[in-house]
Amino acid sequence: MQEIYNTTRKKQEKLSIPPVIIYVITILFFGTMAFLTFKARDIHEKGLPHVKHQKLGIIPKDAIHNNQVFIIKTMVKNGEERTFAEARVIKTGEETKEGYKIASGTDMWDSIITFSDRELKDGAEVVIIK
C-alpha cells in the first residue's frame, strides 16, 4: 500500500490510500492524456476564426475595413504548417456593384480573406473553410 504522511499537524499521522484508488487515478490521468493527444488539434481549431478567401479580383466591400484587408499567410510553427491572417493597407481602385478592385498594397498571388466568423487581428491564426 502507498503511504502518505500528513505533516500539517505536529504529530505525523500515517495515511494509507488503497491501491484501487491509485490505479483509478492513474488510468484517468493516462486516459485523459491519450484523449488530448488525438483531439488537441480539433479543440484548438474550434477556438480560431474560420475564414473564407479568394484570389485577387473584385473584393467584396465588407472585406475592406479602413483601407485594410487581411491576406492568407502560411507558415511553419512548432513543426506544423499553419495559416495566419496578415493585415495589409491597400489602395482601392475601380468600384463595381460587387466590390472594389485593388489598385495597390497586395501581390498578385495573395489570397484575400472575404469572410470571418470572428474579428481578425494581424497575425491571428485562422482556419480556412470551404
Protein backbone atom coordinates (compact mmCIF):
# COMPACT_ATOMS: atom_id res chain seq x y z
CA MET A 1 0.00 0.00 0.00
CA GLN A 2 1.11 3.57 -0.70
CA GLU A 3 1.84 5.56 2.41
CA ILE A 4 1.43 9.31 2.59
CA TYR A 5 2.22 11.33 5.68
CA ASN A 6 0.08 14.21 6.85
CA THR A 7 2.58 16.84 8.01
CA THR A 8 0.10 19.61 8.74
CA ARG A 9 -0.03 18.65 12.40
CA LYS A 10 2.86 18.43 14.81
CA LYS A 11 2.50 14.71 15.14
CA GLN A 12 2.92 12.75 11.91
CA GLU A 13 -0.05 10.58 11.14
CA LYS A 14 0.26 7.71 8.73
CA LEU A 15 -2.38 7.89 5.96
CA SER A 16 -2.92 5.00 3.64
CA ILE A 17 -4.52 5.12 0.21
CA PRO A 18 -5.98 1.87 -1.11
CA PRO A 19 -4.25 0.60 -4.30
CA VAL A 20 -7.58 0.67 -6.17
CA ILE A 21 -7.75 4.46 -5.79
CA ILE A 22 -4.16 4.80 -7.06
CA TYR A 23 -4.99 2.62 -10.10
CA VAL A 24 -8.17 4.58 -10.90
CA ILE A 25 -6.32 7.91 -10.71
CA THR A 26 -3.52 6.56 -12.91
CA ILE A 27 -5.96 5.22 -15.53
CA LEU A 28 -7.89 8.51 -15.57
CA PHE A 29 -4.67 10.51 -15.96
CA PHE A 30 -3.29 8.45 -18.84
CA GLY A 31 -6.72 8.19 -20.47
CA THR A 32 -7.01 11.98 -20.45
CA MET A 33 -3.51 12.35 -21.88
CA ALA A 34 -4.29 9.88 -24.70
CA PHE A 35 -7.55 11.73 -25.48
CA LEU A 36 -5.76 15.08 -25.65
CA THR A 37 -3.04 13.62 -27.85
CA PHE A 38 -5.58 12.76 -30.54
CA LYS A 39 -8.09 15.61 -30.06
CA ALA A 40 -5.88 18.60 -29.19
CA ARG A 41 -5.78 19.96 -32.77
CA ASP A 42 -9.59 19.77 -33.11
CA ILE A 43 -10.05 21.52 -29.78
CA HIS A 44 -7.51 24.18 -30.78
CA GLU A 45 -9.16 24.83 -34.18
CA LYS A 46 -12.61 25.35 -32.63
CA GLY A 47 -11.24 28.42 -30.85
CA LEU A 48 -9.81 30.00 -34.01
CA PRO A 49 -11.53 32.30 -36.52
CA HIS A 50 -12.92 30.40 -39.52
CA VAL A 51 -12.41 32.29 -42.79
CA LYS A 52 -13.18 32.17 -46.50
CA HIS A 53 -10.80 33.64 -49.03
CA GLN A 54 -10.39 34.35 -52.73
CA LYS A 55 -7.64 35.28 -55.13
CA LEU A 56 -7.39 38.88 -56.25
CA GLY A 57 -10.10 40.27 -58.48
CA ILE A 58 -13.24 42.02 -57.29
CA ILE A 59 -13.05 42.14 -53.49
CA PRO A 60 -16.37 42.43 -51.60
CA LYS A 61 -16.89 45.80 -49.93
CA ASP A 62 -17.31 44.22 -46.48
CA ALA A 63 -13.84 42.60 -46.75
CA ILE A 64 -12.22 46.05 -46.69
CA HIS A 65 -12.02 47.93 -43.37
CA ASN A 66 -10.33 51.34 -43.15
CA ASN A 67 -8.42 50.68 -46.40
CA GLN A 68 -7.12 47.44 -44.94
CA VAL A 69 -7.63 43.81 -45.93
CA PHE A 70 -6.38 40.55 -44.47
CA ILE A 71 -4.46 38.11 -46.61
CA ILE A 72 -3.71 34.43 -46.03
CA LYS A 73 -0.16 33.58 -44.98
CA THR A 74 1.06 30.02 -44.47
CA MET A 75 3.96 29.45 -42.08
CA VAL A 76 5.54 26.59 -40.19
CA LYS A 77 5.04 26.91 -36.44
CA ASN A 78 6.09 24.22 -33.96
CA GLY A 79 6.87 21.91 -36.88
CA GLU A 80 3.34 22.23 -38.34
CA GLU A 81 2.18 24.20 -41.35
CA ARG A 82 -0.39 26.72 -40.14
CA THR A 83 -2.46 29.51 -41.70
CA PHE A 84 -2.41 33.10 -40.44
CA ALA A 85 -4.14 36.39 -41.30
CA GLU A 86 -1.86 39.27 -42.21
CA ALA A 87 -3.19 42.84 -42.36
CA ARG A 88 -2.33 44.90 -45.42
CA VAL A 89 -3.06 48.55 -46.13
CA ILE A 90 -4.40 48.87 -49.65
CA LYS A 91 -5.47 51.47 -52.15
CA THR A 92 -8.80 50.65 -53.78
CA GLY A 93 -9.33 51.06 -57.47
CA GLU A 94 -12.46 50.85 -59.57
CA GLU A 95 -15.74 50.31 -57.70
CA THR A 96 -18.30 47.84 -59.04
CA LYS A 97 -21.64 46.52 -57.74
CA GLU A 98 -19.88 43.55 -56.12
CA GLY A 99 -16.97 45.42 -54.58
CA TYR A 100 -13.64 47.01 -55.42
CA LYS A 101 -10.61 46.24 -57.49
CA ILE A 102 -7.41 46.66 -55.51
CA ALA A 103 -5.01 49.20 -57.04
CA SER A 104 -2.04 48.59 -54.73
CA GLY A 105 -0.98 47.03 -51.44
CA THR A 106 -1.14 43.34 -52.36
CA ASP A 107 0.75 40.97 -54.62
CA MET A 108 -0.91 39.10 -57.46
CA TRP A 109 -0.54 35.74 -55.69
CA ASP A 110 -2.12 36.95 -52.43
CA SER A 111 -5.38 35.44 -51.29
CA ILE A 112 -7.74 37.93 -49.62
CA ILE A 113 -9.93 36.95 -46.65
CA THR A 114 -13.52 37.75 -47.62
CA PHE A 115 -15.37 36.32 -44.61
CA SER A 116 -14.58 35.61 -40.97
CA ASP A 117 -16.84 34.36 -38.22
CA ARG A 118 -14.84 36.41 -35.69
CA GLU A 119 -12.93 39.65 -35.58
CA LEU A 120 -9.47 39.29 -37.12
CA LYS A 121 -6.21 40.71 -35.85
CA ASP A 122 -2.90 40.94 -37.63
CA GLY A 123 -1.00 37.67 -37.17
CA ALA A 124 -4.01 35.69 -35.88
CA GLU A 125 -4.06 32.00 -36.71
CA VAL A 126 -7.12 31.09 -38.82
CA VAL A 127 -8.87 28.02 -40.19
CA ILE A 128 -9.90 28.07 -43.86
CA ILE A 129 -13.43 26.86 -44.58
CA LYS A 130 -14.69 25.85 -48.00
